[in-house]
Amino acid sequence: MYMITILVNETQIEIEESANIHQLLQKMNTTIDGIAIAINNKIVSKNSWESQQFNQNDNILIIKATQGG
């Protein structure tokens, strides 16, 4: 198992090279509801989360929708 380092919301994380977005979210205990994912400033559609893998030093941004008033 080969590990790579990625940046998630400005925090370095080590993850398996073969991991996809769903596996990253599980590792981070993050729900898939109400979020958007960008890799290197490009939004990734939810239907690509199972197939989208990461590269060394990718910059991942997890955006959570919030309700306000």
PDB file of N, CA and C in Angstrom:
ATOM      1  N   MET A   1       0.849  -1.178   0.000  1.00  0.00           N
ATOM      2  CA  MET A   1       0.000   0.000   0.000  1.00  0.00           C
ATOM      3  C   MET A   1       0.892   1.237   0.000  1.00  0.00           C
ATOM      4  N   TYR A   2       0.723   2.067  -1.007  1.00  0.00           N
ATOM      5  CA  TYR A   2       1.515   3.273  -1.153  1.00  0.00           C
ATOM      6  C   TYR A   2       0.690   4.464  -0.683  1.00  0.00           C
ATOM      7  N   MET A   3       1.267   5.282   0.191  1.00  0.00           N
ATOM      8  CA  MET A   3       0.570   6.439   0.734  1.00  0.00           C
ATOM      9  C   MET A   3       1.034   7.716   0.029  1.00  0.00           C
ATOM     10  N   ILE A   4       0.094   8.642  -0.129  1.00  0.00           N
ATOM     11  CA  ILE A   4       0.418   9.955  -0.674  1.00  0.00           C
ATOM     12  C   ILE A   4      -0.054  11.011   0.319  1.00  0.00           C
ATOM     13  N   THR A   5       0.478  12.200   0.179  1.00  0.00           N
ATOM     14  CA  THR A   5       0.087  13.318   1.027  1.00  0.00           C
ATOM     15  C   THR A   5      -0.740  14.292   0.204  1.00  0.00           C
ATOM     16  N   ILE A   6      -1.915  14.638   0.747  1.00  0.00           N
ATOM     17  CA  ILE A   6      -2.775  15.627   0.106  1.00  0.00           C
ATOM     18  C   ILE A   6      -3.088  16.715   1.127  1.00  0.00           C
ATOM     19  N   LEU A   7      -3.576  17.819   0.652  1.00  0.00           N
ATOM     20  CA  LEU A   7      -3.956  18.934   1.517  1.00  0.00           C
ATOM     21  C   LEU A   7      -5.469  19.049   1.486  1.00  0.00           C
ATOM     22  N   VAL A   8      -6.111  18.871   2.637  1.00  0.00           N
ATOM     23  CA  VAL A   8      -7.568  18.951   2.721  1.00  0.00           C
ATOM     24  C   VAL A   8      -7.931  20.124   3.616  1.00  0.00           C
ATOM     25  N   ASN A   9      -8.573  21.129   3.043  1.00  0.00           N
ATOM     26  CA  ASN A   9      -8.919  22.342   3.792  1.00  0.00           C
ATOM     27  C   ASN A   9      -7.722  22.832   4.606  1.00  0.00           C
ATOM     28  N   GLU A  10      -6.580  22.877   3.952  1.00  0.00           N
ATOM     29  CA  GLU A  10      -5.320  23.401   4.496  1.00  0.00           C
ATOM     30  C   GLU A  10      -4.688  22.511   5.567  1.00  0.00           C
ATOM     31  N   THR A  11      -5.112  21.241   5.656  1.00  0.00           N
ATOM     32  CA  THR A  11      -4.529  20.290   6.598  1.00  0.00           C
ATOM     33  C   THR A  11      -3.936  19.125   5.813  1.00  0.00           C
ATOM     34  N   GLN A  12      -2.679  18.796   6.085  1.00  0.00           N
ATOM     35  CA  GLN A  12      -2.041  17.670   5.397  1.00  0.00           C
ATOM     36  C   GLN A  12      -2.606  16.358   5.909  1.00  0.00           C
ATOM     37  N   ILE A  13      -2.924  15.469   4.968  1.00  0.00           N
ATOM     38  CA  ILE A  13      -3.452  14.150   5.301  1.00  0.00           C
ATOM     39  C   ILE A  13      -2.734  13.121   4.447  1.00  0.00           C
ATOM     40  N   GLU A  14      -2.401  11.999   5.056  1.00  0.00           N
ATOM     41  CA  GLU A  14      -1.856  10.875   4.290  1.00  0.00           C
ATOM     42  C   GLU A  14      -2.993   9.922   3.993  1.00  0.00           C
ATOM     43  N   ILE A  15      -3.056   9.469   2.748  1.00  0.00           N
ATOM     44  CA  ILE A  15      -4.130   8.579   2.313  1.00  0.00           C
ATOM     45  C   ILE A  15      -3.561   7.597   1.304  1.00  0.00           C
ATOM     46  N   GLU A  16      -4.211   6.453   1.178  1.00  0.00           N
ATOM     47  CA  GLU A  16      -3.760   5.480   0.188  1.00  0.00           C
ATOM     48  C   GLU A  16      -3.848   6.083  -1.208  1.00  0.00           C
ATOM     49  N   GLU A  17      -2.857   5.767  -2.020  1.00  0.00           N
ATOM     50  CA  GLU A  17      -2.804   6.293  -3.381  1.00  0.00           C
ATOM     51  C   GLU A  17      -4.061   5.945  -4.174  1.00  0.00           C
ATOM     52  N   SER A  18      -4.661   4.796  -3.896  1.00  0.00           N
ATOM     53  CA  SER A  18      -5.828   4.343  -4.648  1.00  0.00           C
ATOM     54  C   SER A  18      -7.155   4.865  -4.086  1.00  0.00           C
ATOM     55  N   ALA A  19      -7.113   5.664  -3.030  1.00  0.00           N
ATOM     56  CA  ALA A  19      -8.338   6.139  -2.387  1.00  0.00           C
ATOM     57  C   ALA A  19      -9.119   7.080  -3.296  1.00  0.00           C
ATOM     58  N   ASN A  20     -10.455   7.036  -3.137  1.00  0.00           N
ATOM     59  CA  ASN A  20     -11.308   7.967  -3.876  1.00  0.00           C
ATOM     60  C   ASN A  20     -11.936   8.953  -2.895  1.00  0.00           C
ATOM     61  N   ILE A  21     -12.789   9.821  -3.402  1.00  0.00           N
ATOM     62  CA  ILE A  21     -13.379  10.866  -2.561  1.00  0.00           C
ATOM     63  C   ILE A  21     -14.232  10.264  -1.447  1.00  0.00           C
ATOM     64  N   HIS A  22     -15.038   9.249  -1.759  1.00  0.00           N
ATOM     65  CA  HIS A  22     -15.860   8.621  -0.713  1.00  0.00           C
ATOM     66  C   HIS A  22     -14.987   8.083   0.420  1.00  0.00           C
ATOM     67  N   GLN A  23     -13.869   7.457   0.073  1.00  0.00           N
ATOM     68  CA  GLN A  23     -12.982   6.910   1.107  1.00  0.00           C
ATOM     69  C   GLN A  23     -12.349   8.021   1.937  1.00  0.00           C
ATOM     70  N   LEU A  24     -12.011   9.136   1.300  1.00  0.00           N
ATOM     71  CA  LEU A  24     -11.480  10.282   2.042  1.00  0.00           C
ATOM     72  C   LEU A  24     -12.519  10.800   3.030  1.00  0.00           C
ATOM     73  N   LEU A  25     -13.756  10.935   2.586  1.00  0.00           N
ATOM     74  CA  LEU A  25     -14.811  11.440   3.463  1.00  0.00           C
ATOM     75  C   LEU A  25     -15.047  10.492   4.632  1.00  0.00           C
ATOM     76  N   GLN A  26     -14.979   9.188   4.385  1.00  0.00           N
ATOM     77  CA  GLN A  26     -15.121   8.212   5.476  1.00  0.00           C
ATOM     78  C   GLN A  26     -13.976   8.361   6.470  1.00  0.00           C
ATOM     79  N   LYS A  27     -12.760   8.509   5.963  1.00  0.00           N
ATOM     80  CA  LYS A  27     -11.583   8.657   6.833  1.00  0.00           C
ATOM     81  C   LYS A  27     -11.719   9.894   7.712  1.00  0.00           C
ATOM     82  N   MET A  28     -12.351  10.934   7.173  1.00  0.00           N
ATOM     83  CA  MET A  28     -12.500  12.188   7.904  1.00  0.00           C
ATOM     84  C   MET A  28     -13.813  12.271   8.680  1.00  0.00           C
ATOM     85  N   ASN A  29     -14.607  11.189   8.650  1.00  0.00           N
ATOM     86  CA  ASN A  29     -15.916  11.173   9.316  1.00  0.00           C
ATOM     87  C   ASN A  29     -16.793  12.336   8.872  1.00  0.00           C
ATOM     88  N   THR A  30     -16.807  12.580   7.572  1.00  0.00           N
ATOM     89  CA  THR A  30     -17.584  13.676   6.994  1.00  0.00           C
ATOM     90  C   THR A  30     -18.752  13.101   6.209  1.00  0.00           C
ATOM     91  N   THR A  31     -19.931  13.620   6.445  1.00  0.00           N
ATOM     92  CA  THR A  31     -21.112  13.183   5.723  1.00  0.00           C
ATOM     93  C   THR A  31     -21.069  13.688   4.279  1.00  0.00           C
ATOM     94  N   ILE A  32     -21.739  12.975   3.376  1.00  0.00           N
ATOM     95  CA  ILE A  32     -21.736  13.411   1.973  1.00  0.00           C
ATOM     96  C   ILE A  32     -22.882  14.377   1.684  1.00  0.00           C
ATOM     97  N   ASP A  33     -23.767  14.560   2.640  1.00  0.00           N
ATOM     98  CA  ASP A  33     -24.914  15.445   2.425  1.00  0.00           C
ATOM     99  C   ASP A  33     -24.509  16.908   2.561  1.00  0.00           C
ATOM    100  N   GLY A  34     -24.937  17.703   1.606  1.00  0.00           N
ATOM    101  CA  GLY A  34     -24.739  19.149   1.686  1.00  0.00           C
ATOM    102  C   GLY A  34     -23.306  19.610   1.527  1.00  0.00           C
ATOM    103  N   ILE A  35     -22.480  18.842   0.800  1.00  0.00           N
ATOM    104  CA  ILE A  35     -21.104  19.275   0.598  1.00  0.00           C
ATOM    105  C   ILE A  35     -20.764  19.288  -0.890  1.00  0.00           C
ATOM    106  N   ALA A  36     -19.749  20.029  -1.195  1.00  0.00           N
ATOM    107  CA  ALA A  36     -19.162  20.046  -2.540  1.00  0.00           C
ATOM    108  C   ALA A  36     -17.665  19.828  -2.371  1.00  0.00           C
ATOM    109  N   ILE A  37     -17.052  19.227  -3.382  1.00  0.00           N
ATOM    110  CA  ILE A  37     -15.623  18.924  -3.343  1.00  0.00           C
ATOM    111  C   ILE A  37     -14.941  19.568  -4.533  1.00  0.00           C
ATOM    112  N   ALA A  38     -13.816  20.228  -4.273  1.00  0.00           N
ATOM    113  CA  ALA A  38     -12.979  20.768  -5.346  1.00  0.00           C
ATOM    114  C   ALA A  38     -11.574  20.193  -5.181  1.00  0.00           C
ATOM    115  N   ILE A  39     -10.996  19.783  -6.290  1.00  0.00           N
ATOM    116  CA  ILE A  39      -9.608  19.317  -6.298  1.00  0.00           C
ATOM    117  C   ILE A  39      -8.832  20.275  -7.185  1.00  0.00           C
ATOM    118  N   ASN A  40      -7.831  20.911  -6.591  1.00  0.00           N
ATOM    119  CA  ASN A  40      -7.018  21.897  -7.311  1.00  0.00           C
ATOM    120  C   ASN A  40      -7.898  22.934  -7.996  1.00  0.00           C
ATOM    121  N   ASN A  41      -8.867  23.446  -7.241  1.00  0.00           N
ATOM    122  CA  ASN A  41      -9.778  24.514  -7.663  1.00  0.00           C
ATOM    123  C   ASN A  41     -10.760  24.120  -8.756  1.00  0.00           C
ATOM    124  N   LYS A  42     -10.979  22.814  -8.957  1.00  0.00           N
ATOM    125  CA  LYS A  42     -11.968  22.354  -9.930  1.00  0.00           C
ATOM    126  C   LYS A  42     -13.005  21.504  -9.207  1.00  0.00           C
ATOM    127  N   ILE A  43     -14.279  21.911  -9.306  1.00  0.00           N
ATOM    128  CA  ILE A  43     -15.358  21.178  -8.660  1.00  0.00           C
ATOM    129  C   ILE A  43     -15.476  19.781  -9.278  1.00  0.00           C
ATOM    130  N   VAL A  44     -15.662  18.778  -8.426  1.00  0.00           N
ATOM    131  CA  VAL A  44     -15.840  17.397  -8.880  1.00  0.00           C
ATOM    132  C   VAL A  44     -17.302  17.025  -8.650  1.00  0.00           C
ATOM    133  N   SER A  45     -17.999  16.610  -9.691  1.00  0.00           N
ATOM    134  CA  SER A  45     -19.412  16.259  -9.561  1.00  0.00           C
ATOM    135  C   SER A  45     -19.562  15.002  -8.705  1.00  0.00           C
ATOM    136  N   LYS A  46     -20.669  14.926  -7.962  1.00  0.00           N
ATOM    137  CA  LYS A  46     -20.882  13.803  -7.042  1.00  0.00           C
ATOM    138  C   LYS A  46     -20.857  12.461  -7.754  1.00  0.00           C
ATOM    139  N   ASN A  47     -21.305  12.396  -9.005  1.00  0.00           N
ATOM    140  CA  ASN A  47     -21.311  11.107  -9.696  1.00  0.00           C
ATOM    141  C   ASN A  47     -19.906  10.654 -10.070  1.00  0.00           C
ATOM    142  N   SER A  48     -18.883  11.479  -9.842  1.00  0.00           N
ATOM    143  CA  SER A  48     -17.488  11.097 -10.098  1.00  0.00           C
ATOM    144  C   SER A  48     -16.725  10.758  -8.820  1.00  0.00           C
ATOM    145  N   TRP A  49     -17.368  10.867  -7.669  1.00  0.00           N
ATOM    146  CA  TRP A  49     -16.669  10.682  -6.399  1.00  0.00           C
ATOM    147  C   TRP A  49     -16.131   9.271  -6.225  1.00  0.00           C
ATOM    148  N   GLU A  50     -16.809   8.268  -6.758  1.00  0.00           N
ATOM    149  CA  GLU A  50     -16.337   6.885  -6.619  1.00  0.00           C
ATOM    150  C   GLU A  50     -15.080   6.625  -7.453  1.00  0.00           C
ATOM    151  N   SER A  51     -14.968   7.312  -8.584  1.00  0.00           N
ATOM    152  CA  SER A  51     -13.855   7.042  -9.501  1.00  0.00           C
ATOM    153  C   SER A  51     -12.710   8.049  -9.372  1.00  0.00           C
ATOM    154  N   GLN A  52     -12.975   9.203  -8.776  1.00  0.00           N
ATOM    155  CA  GLN A  52     -11.954  10.256  -8.691  1.00  0.00           C
ATOM    156  C   GLN A  52     -10.896   9.892  -7.658  1.00  0.00           C
ATOM    157  N   GLN A  53      -9.661   9.762  -8.110  1.00  0.00           N
ATOM    158  CA  GLN A  53      -8.555   9.483  -7.202  1.00  0.00           C
ATOM    159  C   GLN A  53      -7.686  10.726  -7.062  1.00  0.00           C
ATOM    160  N   PHE A  54      -6.744  10.653  -6.145  1.00  0.00           N
ATOM    161  CA  PHE A  54      -5.901  11.796  -5.823  1.00  0.00           C
ATOM    162  C   PHE A  54      -4.477  11.578  -6.317  1.00  0.00           C
ATOM    163  N   ASN A  55      -3.785  12.686  -6.491  1.00  0.00           N
ATOM    164  CA  ASN A  55      -2.360  12.679  -6.811  1.00  0.00           C
ATOM    165  C   ASN A  55      -1.605  13.324  -5.653  1.00  0.00           C
ATOM    166  N   GLN A  56      -0.329  12.989  -5.541  1.00  0.00           N
ATOM    167  CA  GLN A  56       0.519  13.592  -4.513  1.00  0.00           C
ATOM    168  C   GLN A  56       0.370  15.113  -4.553  1.00  0.00           C
ATOM    169  N   ASN A  57       0.188  15.725  -3.370  1.00  0.00           N
ATOM    170  CA  ASN A  57       0.113  17.182  -3.182  1.00  0.00           C
ATOM    171  C   ASN A  57      -1.140  17.827  -3.765  1.00  0.00           C
ATOM    172  N   ASP A  58      -2.176  17.034  -4.083  1.00  0.00           N
ATOM    173  CA  ASP A  58      -3.436  17.647  -4.501  1.00  0.00           C
ATOM    174  C   ASP A  58      -3.961  18.531  -3.383  1.00  0.00           C
ATOM    175  N   ASN A  59      -4.644  19.600  -3.778  1.00  0.00           N
ATOM    176  CA  ASN A  59      -5.258  20.517  -2.832  1.00  0.00           C
ATOM    177  C   ASN A  59      -6.767  20.300  -2.898  1.00  0.00           C
ATOM    178  N   ILE A  60      -7.347  19.729  -1.839  1.00  0.00           N
ATOM    179  CA  ILE A  60      -8.762  19.397  -1.804  1.00  0.00           C
ATOM    180  C   ILE A  60      -9.478  20.384  -0.896  1.00  0.00           C
ATOM    181  N   LEU A  61     -10.596  20.880  -1.384  1.00  0.00           N
ATOM    182  CA  LEU A  61     -11.418  21.787  -0.603  1.00  0.00           C
ATOM    183  C   LEU A  61     -12.781  21.144  -0.419  1.00  0.00           C
ATOM    184  N   ILE A  62     -13.188  20.977   0.830  1.00  0.00           N
ATOM    185  CA  ILE A  62     -14.519  20.441   1.140  1.00  0.00           C
ATOM    186  C   ILE A  62     -15.354  21.621   1.605  1.00  0.00           C
ATOM    187  N   ILE A  63     -16.411  21.881   0.856  1.00  0.00           N
ATOM    188  CA  ILE A  63     -17.286  23.027   1.143  1.00  0.00           C
ATOM    189  C   ILE A  63     -18.591  22.489   1.700  1.00  0.00           C
ATOM    190  N   LYS A  64     -18.948  22.952   2.885  1.00  0.00           N
ATOM    191  CA  LYS A  64     -20.180  22.504   3.529  1.00  0.00           C
ATOM    192  C   LYS A  64     -21.220  23.618   3.457  1.00  0.00           C
ATOM    193  N   ALA A  65     -22.417  23.233   3.011  1.00  0.00           N
ATOM    194  CA  ALA A  65     -23.520  24.180   2.977  1.00  0.00           C
ATOM    195  C   ALA A  65     -23.996  24.435   4.413  1.00  0.00           C
ATOM    196  N   THR A  66     -24.281  25.674   4.714  1.00  0.00           N
ATOM    197  CA  THR A  66     -24.805  26.014   6.037  1.00  0.00           C
ATOM    198  C   THR A  66     -26.058  26.836   5.875  1.00  0.00           C
ATOM    199  N   GLN A  67     -26.909  26.746   6.870  1.00  0.00           N
ATOM    200  CA  GLN A  67     -28.119  27.555   6.849  1.00  0.00           C
ATOM    201  C   GLN A  67     -27.878  28.778   7.723  1.00  0.00           C
ATOM    202  N   GLY A  68     -28.393  29.872   7.262  1.00  0.00           N
ATOM    203  CA  GLY A  68     -28.215  31.100   8.034  1.00  0.00           C
ATOM    204  C   GLY A  68     -29.497  31.914   8.008  1.00  0.00           C
ATOM    205  N   GLY A  69     -29.452  32.969   8.730  1.00  0.00           N
ATOM    206  CA  GLY A  69     -30.674  33.769   8.774  1.00  0.00           C
ATOM    207  C   GLY A  69     -30.303  35.136   8.819  1.00  0.00           C
TER     208      GLY A  69
END
